[in-house]
Amino acid sequence: MAEHPHLAIASGFYDALAKGDLDHLRDQLLADDVVFHVPGRGPLARDYTGKEAVLGYLAGLAQATSGTLRLEPERFLAGEDHVAAVLRIHAERDGRTLDDHGMQLLRIADGKISERSSYPHNPYAVDEFFA
């Protein structure tokens, strides 16, 4: 069985994040009207709409964690227009460590990520970590 075409887009997204390659994300992987849904009650929780808002959010995460944030996919589940990424989430900040699992659901349209929804296992720990 051939690999689902959306898996390359999803894995490319996490590879670019790991490398801090925001240019590749902007130019190759994100739709112009992309929306990232960030859950919770913390300071980062809201919807980020458009490439610049999403890239600003991602750059802010990297800055807040001094580049230690890692979203490490453990497996992908692909469907018709979505890819679910089961992740390990790790970061360090101000002497604290975030070590959680979660899932991110990516909607793919026209070969690009058009929407991302995050589902951390412990959203309260994520809120507290970034507060």
Protein backbone atom coordinates (compact mmCIF):
# COMPACT_ATOMS: atom_id res chain seq x y z
CA MET A 1 0.00 0.00 0.00
CA ALA A 2 1.37 3.44 -0.93
CA GLU A 3 1.86 6.08 1.73
CA HIS A 4 -0.97 8.57 2.04
CA PRO A 5 0.07 11.87 0.38
CA HIS A 6 -0.98 13.94 3.40
CA LEU A 7 1.58 12.17 5.60
CA ALA A 8 4.45 13.91 3.81
CA ILE A 9 2.83 17.29 4.49
CA ALA A 10 2.28 16.49 8.17
CA SER A 11 5.77 15.10 8.74
CA GLY A 12 7.24 18.04 6.82
CA PHE A 13 5.41 20.40 9.17
CA TYR A 14 6.94 18.83 12.28
CA ASP A 15 10.38 18.58 10.64
CA ALA A 16 10.29 22.29 9.76
CA LEU A 17 9.20 23.16 13.31
CA ALA A 18 12.07 21.14 14.75
CA LYS A 19 14.52 23.02 12.52
CA GLY A 20 12.92 26.41 13.21
CA ASP A 21 12.38 26.81 9.46
CA LEU A 22 9.48 29.25 9.49
CA ASP A 23 10.20 30.27 5.89
CA HIS A 24 9.51 26.72 4.69
CA LEU A 25 6.32 26.62 6.73
CA ARG A 26 5.14 29.93 5.25
CA ASP A 27 6.18 29.25 1.67
CA GLN A 28 5.42 25.54 1.29
CA LEU A 29 3.16 24.12 3.99
CA LEU A 30 0.62 26.67 5.27
CA ALA A 31 -2.45 27.83 3.37
CA ASP A 32 -2.91 31.60 3.17
CA ASP A 33 -6.03 31.43 5.34
CA VAL A 34 -4.66 28.84 7.79
CA VAL A 35 -6.22 28.75 11.27
CA PHE A 36 -4.55 27.32 14.39
CA HIS A 37 -6.94 26.59 17.26
CA VAL A 38 -5.07 26.73 20.59
CA PRO A 39 -7.17 25.44 23.50
CA GLY A 40 -7.13 26.36 27.15
CA ARG A 41 -7.41 29.39 29.36
CA GLY A 42 -3.80 30.53 29.29
CA PRO A 43 -2.31 33.58 27.58
CA LEU A 44 -1.75 31.75 24.27
CA ALA A 45 -5.23 30.19 24.03
CA ARG A 46 -7.16 31.52 21.05
CA ASP A 47 -7.48 31.13 17.30
CA TYR A 48 -4.61 32.35 15.11
CA THR A 49 -5.84 33.16 11.60
CA GLY A 50 -3.58 33.69 8.60
CA LYS A 51 0.04 32.81 7.95
CA GLU A 52 1.53 35.79 9.78
CA ALA A 53 -0.53 35.21 12.93
CA VAL A 54 0.34 31.50 12.94
CA LEU A 55 4.04 32.15 12.33
CA GLY A 56 4.03 34.79 15.08
CA TYR A 57 2.48 32.26 17.46
CA LEU A 58 5.08 29.60 16.57
CA ALA A 59 7.95 32.08 16.88
CA GLY A 60 6.59 33.16 20.27
CA LEU A 61 6.55 29.55 21.47
CA ALA A 62 10.17 29.11 20.42
CA GLN A 63 11.16 32.34 22.14
CA ALA A 64 9.26 31.56 25.36
CA THR A 65 11.00 28.18 25.61
CA SER A 66 14.43 29.39 24.45
CA GLY A 67 14.15 27.00 21.52
CA THR A 68 13.56 23.91 23.66
CA LEU A 69 9.99 23.17 22.51
CA ARG A 70 9.77 19.80 20.76
CA LEU A 71 6.64 18.38 19.19
CA GLU A 72 7.70 14.80 18.46
CA PRO A 73 5.24 12.76 16.40
CA GLU A 74 4.91 9.17 17.59
CA ARG A 75 2.45 8.19 14.86
CA PHE A 76 0.21 9.62 12.20
CA LEU A 77 -3.32 8.61 11.24
CA ALA A 78 -4.41 9.82 7.80
CA GLY A 79 -7.91 10.28 6.45
CA GLU A 80 -9.45 11.86 3.40
CA ASP A 81 -8.61 15.46 4.29
CA HIS A 82 -7.12 15.20 7.80
CA VAL A 83 -4.02 13.86 9.50
CA ALA A 84 -3.97 13.20 13.23
CA ALA A 85 -0.53 13.40 14.80
CA VAL A 86 -0.06 11.69 18.16
CA LEU A 87 2.71 13.67 19.83
CA ARG A 88 5.08 13.87 22.72
CA ILE A 89 5.42 17.51 23.79
CA HIS A 90 8.53 18.64 25.64
CA ALA A 91 9.80 22.11 26.59
CA GLU A 92 11.75 23.92 29.27
CA ARG A 93 11.06 27.40 30.62
CA ASP A 94 12.20 29.32 33.68
CA GLY A 95 13.51 26.19 35.38
CA ARG A 96 10.31 24.25 34.69
CA THR A 97 9.73 21.32 32.35
CA LEU A 98 6.69 20.48 30.29
CA ASP A 99 6.44 16.82 29.35
CA ASP A 100 3.05 15.85 27.96
CA HIS A 101 1.38 13.87 25.22
CA GLY A 102 -1.36 15.00 22.95
CA MET A 103 -2.80 15.04 19.50
CA GLN A 104 -2.93 17.63 16.77
CA LEU A 105 -5.45 17.36 13.97
CA LEU A 106 -4.31 18.90 10.69
CA ARG A 107 -6.77 19.61 7.91
CA ILE A 108 -5.13 19.48 4.50
CA ALA A 109 -6.59 21.33 1.52
CA ASP A 110 -4.93 21.75 -1.87
CA GLY A 111 -1.68 20.27 -0.54
CA LYS A 112 -1.34 22.68 2.38
CA ILE A 113 -2.29 22.82 6.04
CA SER A 114 -5.46 24.86 6.30
CA GLU A 115 -6.33 24.21 9.94
CA ARG A 116 -4.75 22.78 13.08
CA SER A 117 -6.52 21.87 16.28
CA SER A 118 -4.52 20.88 19.38
CA TYR A 119 -5.58 18.46 22.07
CA PRO A 120 -2.99 18.23 24.87
CA HIS A 121 -3.44 15.39 27.34
CA ASN A 122 -3.12 17.85 30.22
CA PRO A 123 -4.27 21.29 29.01
CA TYR A 124 -4.02 22.73 32.53
CA ALA A 125 -0.31 21.89 32.68
CA VAL A 126 0.22 23.58 29.31
CA ASP A 127 -1.68 26.69 30.47
CA GLU A 128 0.37 26.84 33.67
CA PHE A 129 3.65 26.28 31.83
CA PHE A 130 3.08 29.26 29.51
CA ALA A 131 1.49 31.57 32.11
